[in-house]
């Protein structure tokens, strides 16, 4: 019988780990020339983080922590591809001082034109 409680716990942990590892990979990816090596690096990083996280904070077994690492790798990759190009960087957001107001929302004050 499928242990749904364990699966739900594993997926919850994988969601948190995929966020952390995705950010870590993005900060350290400049060292890789091709995406083939980046995928391998990301997979190993997810597995490593999952093992250390599960040993430190949960009572999940070693084989289950490997599954969490795999779920995290799949989730991080999917998350990155879904958000790629849709999010502005922090500098773009902070440097943008322009507020766009539609013409129909402008209020005429009656002053000089």
C-alpha atoms as a PDB file:
ATOM      1  CA  UNK A   1       0.000   0.000   0.000  1.00  0.00           C
ATOM      2  CA  UNK A   2       1.225   3.490  -0.824  1.00  0.00           C
ATOM      3  CA  UNK A   3       2.257   5.558   2.203  1.00  0.00           C
ATOM      4  CA  UNK A   4       0.619   8.872   1.265  1.00  0.00           C
ATOM      5  CA  UNK A   5       1.651  10.587   4.494  1.00  0.00           C
ATOM      6  CA  UNK A   6       5.340   9.886   3.807  1.00  0.00           C
ATOM      7  CA  UNK A   7       4.986  10.928   0.170  1.00  0.00           C
ATOM      8  CA  UNK A   8       3.344  14.206   1.164  1.00  0.00           C
ATOM      9  CA  UNK A   9       6.121  14.872   3.686  1.00  0.00           C
ATOM     10  CA  UNK A  10       8.788  14.081   1.087  1.00  0.00           C
ATOM     11  CA  UNK A  11       7.217  16.416  -1.494  1.00  0.00           C
ATOM     12  CA  UNK A  12       6.930  19.213   1.072  1.00  0.00           C
ATOM     13  CA  UNK A  13      10.623  18.918   1.893  1.00  0.00           C
ATOM     14  CA  UNK A  14      11.478  18.735  -1.825  1.00  0.00           C
ATOM     15  CA  UNK A  15       9.631  21.995  -2.489  1.00  0.00           C
ATOM     16  CA  UNK A  16      11.697  23.804   0.135  1.00  0.00           C
ATOM     17  CA  UNK A  17      14.938  22.233  -1.061  1.00  0.00           C
ATOM     18  CA  UNK A  18      14.261  23.016  -4.715  1.00  0.00           C
ATOM     19  CA  UNK A  19      13.923  26.697  -3.848  1.00  0.00           C
ATOM     20  CA  UNK A  20      17.215  26.690  -1.953  1.00  0.00           C
ATOM     21  CA  UNK A  21      19.157  24.656  -4.494  1.00  0.00           C
ATOM     22  CA  UNK A  22      17.769  26.596  -7.461  1.00  0.00           C
ATOM     23  CA  UNK A  23      19.038  29.830  -5.926  1.00  0.00           C
ATOM     24  CA  UNK A  24      22.396  28.238  -5.100  1.00  0.00           C
ATOM     25  CA  UNK A  25      22.834  26.858  -8.617  1.00  0.00           C
ATOM     26  CA  UNK A  26      21.976  30.250 -10.137  1.00  0.00           C
ATOM     27  CA  UNK A  27      24.649  31.926  -8.001  1.00  0.00           C
ATOM     28  CA  UNK A  28      27.329  29.363  -8.886  1.00  0.00           C
ATOM     29  CA  UNK A  29      26.504  28.448 -12.501  1.00  0.00           C
ATOM     30  CA  UNK A  30      29.024  30.820 -14.117  1.00  0.00           C
ATOM     31  CA  UNK A  31      31.753  28.202 -13.616  1.00  0.00           C
ATOM     32  CA  UNK A  32      30.207  25.822 -16.162  1.00  0.00           C
ATOM     33  CA  UNK A  33      30.736  26.096 -19.898  1.00  0.00           C
ATOM     34  CA  UNK A  34      27.944  23.747 -21.052  1.00  0.00           C
ATOM     35  CA  UNK A  35      24.497  22.979 -19.729  1.00  0.00           C
ATOM     36  CA  UNK A  36      25.286  19.234 -19.632  1.00  0.00           C
ATOM     37  CA  UNK A  37      27.672  19.790 -16.742  1.00  0.00           C
ATOM     38  CA  UNK A  38      25.267  22.224 -15.113  1.00  0.00           C
ATOM     39  CA  UNK A  39      22.511  19.569 -15.034  1.00  0.00           C
ATOM     40  CA  UNK A  40      24.876  17.068 -13.456  1.00  0.00           C
ATOM     41  CA  UNK A  41      26.061  19.672 -10.928  1.00  0.00           C
ATOM     42  CA  UNK A  42      22.463  20.532 -10.085  1.00  0.00           C
ATOM     43  CA  UNK A  43      21.498  16.873  -9.628  1.00  0.00           C
ATOM     44  CA  UNK A  44      24.452  16.167  -7.345  1.00  0.00           C
ATOM     45  CA  UNK A  45      23.800  19.337  -5.378  1.00  0.00           C
ATOM     46  CA  UNK A  46      20.135  18.443  -4.884  1.00  0.00           C
ATOM     47  CA  UNK A  47      21.014  14.936  -3.744  1.00  0.00           C
ATOM     48  CA  UNK A  48      23.668  16.256  -1.368  1.00  0.00           C
ATOM     49  CA  UNK A  49      21.419  18.915   0.122  1.00  0.00           C
ATOM     50  CA  UNK A  50      18.589  16.395   0.525  1.00  0.00           C
ATOM     51  CA  UNK A  51      20.788  13.894   2.367  1.00  0.00           C
ATOM     52  CA  UNK A  52      22.233  16.527   4.711  1.00  0.00           C
ATOM     53  CA  UNK A  53      18.840  18.144   5.308  1.00  0.00           C
ATOM     54  CA  UNK A  54      17.109  14.836   6.072  1.00  0.00           C
ATOM     55  CA  UNK A  55      19.876  13.688   8.402  1.00  0.00           C
ATOM     56  CA  UNK A  56      19.869  17.032  10.219  1.00  0.00           C
ATOM     57  CA  UNK A  57      16.186  17.853  10.552  1.00  0.00           C
ATOM     58  CA  UNK A  58      14.062  14.750   9.972  1.00  0.00           C
ATOM     59  CA  UNK A  59      13.908  11.036  10.712  1.00  0.00           C
ATOM     60  CA  UNK A  60      13.586  10.134   7.039  1.00  0.00           C
ATOM     61  CA  UNK A  61      15.737   7.213   5.881  1.00  0.00           C
ATOM     62  CA  UNK A  62      18.671   7.497   3.495  1.00  0.00           C
ATOM     63  CA  UNK A  63      16.856   5.972   0.467  1.00  0.00           C
ATOM     64  CA  UNK A  64      13.929   8.351   1.003  1.00  0.00           C
ATOM     65  CA  UNK A  65      16.327  11.295   1.173  1.00  0.00           C
ATOM     66  CA  UNK A  66      17.631  10.293  -2.268  1.00  0.00           C
ATOM     67  CA  UNK A  67      14.068  10.384  -3.583  1.00  0.00           C
ATOM     68  CA  UNK A  68      13.654  13.839  -2.032  1.00  0.00           C
ATOM     69  CA  UNK A  69      16.817  14.951  -3.838  1.00  0.00           C
ATOM     70  CA  UNK A  70      15.421  13.665  -7.135  1.00  0.00           C
ATOM     71  CA  UNK A  71      12.064  15.370  -6.541  1.00  0.00           C
ATOM     72  CA  UNK A  72      13.938  18.550  -5.649  1.00  0.00           C
ATOM     73  CA  UNK A  73      16.006  18.364  -8.847  1.00  0.00           C
ATOM     74  CA  UNK A  74      12.916  17.914 -10.996  1.00  0.00           C
ATOM     75  CA  UNK A  75      11.103  20.704  -9.146  1.00  0.00           C
ATOM     76  CA  UNK A  76      13.987  23.170  -9.302  1.00  0.00           C
ATOM     77  CA  UNK A  77      14.480  22.598 -13.012  1.00  0.00           C
ATOM     78  CA  UNK A  78      10.750  22.972 -13.708  1.00  0.00           C
ATOM     79  CA  UNK A  79      10.536  26.076 -11.542  1.00  0.00           C
ATOM     80  CA  UNK A  80      13.468  27.721 -13.309  1.00  0.00           C
ATOM     81  CA  UNK A  81      12.115  26.953 -16.782  1.00  0.00           C
ATOM     82  CA  UNK A  82       8.661  28.239 -15.810  1.00  0.00           C
ATOM     83  CA  UNK A  83      10.035  31.525 -14.461  1.00  0.00           C
ATOM     84  CA  UNK A  84      12.866  32.053 -16.942  1.00  0.00           C
ATOM     85  CA  UNK A  85      12.602  35.516 -18.476  1.00  0.00           C
ATOM     86  CA  UNK A  86       9.453  36.420 -16.536  1.00  0.00           C
ATOM     87  CA  UNK A  87      11.068  37.902 -13.457  1.00  0.00           C
ATOM     88  CA  UNK A  88      12.924  41.190 -13.432  1.00  0.00           C
ATOM     89  CA  UNK A  89      16.204  41.424 -11.575  1.00  0.00           C
ATOM     90  CA  UNK A  90      16.438  43.417  -8.359  1.00  0.00           C
ATOM     91  CA  UNK A  91      18.434  46.213 -10.020  1.00  0.00           C
ATOM     92  CA  UNK A  92      15.831  46.586 -12.782  1.00  0.00           C
ATOM     93  CA  UNK A  93      13.061  46.910 -10.208  1.00  0.00           C
ATOM     94  CA  UNK A  94      14.907  49.449  -8.038  1.00  0.00           C
ATOM     95  CA  UNK A  95      16.138  51.608 -10.945  1.00  0.00           C
ATOM     96  CA  UNK A  96      12.728  51.893 -12.553  1.00  0.00           C
ATOM     97  CA  UNK A  97      11.239  55.187 -11.309  1.00  0.00           C
ATOM     98  CA  UNK A  98       8.595  55.559 -13.988  1.00  0.00           C
ATOM     99  CA  UNK A  99       4.927  55.240 -13.172  1.00  0.00           C
ATOM    100  CA  UNK A 100       2.733  54.677 -16.189  1.00  0.00           C
ATOM    101  CA  UNK A 101      -0.797  56.087 -15.965  1.00  0.00           C
ATOM    102  CA  UNK A 102      -3.349  55.504 -18.730  1.00  0.00           C
ATOM    103  CA  UNK A 103      -4.442  58.708 -20.485  1.00  0.00           C
ATOM    104  CA  UNK A 104      -8.074  58.259 -19.438  1.00  0.00           C
ATOM    105  CA  UNK A 105      -7.008  58.333 -15.765  1.00  0.00           C
ATOM    106  CA  UNK A 106      -5.292  61.732 -16.001  1.00  0.00           C
ATOM    107  CA  UNK A 107      -6.935  64.665 -14.211  1.00  0.00           C
ATOM    108  CA  UNK A 108      -6.793  68.109 -15.857  1.00  0.00           C
ATOM    109  CA  UNK A 109      -5.939  70.888 -13.380  1.00  0.00           C
ATOM    110  CA  UNK A 110      -6.788  73.864 -15.564  1.00  0.00           C
ATOM    111  CA  UNK A 111      -3.243  75.337 -15.348  1.00  0.00           C
ATOM    112  CA  UNK A 112      -0.900  76.320 -18.177  1.00  0.00           C
ATOM    113  CA  UNK A 113      -0.463  73.912 -21.027  1.00  0.00           C
END
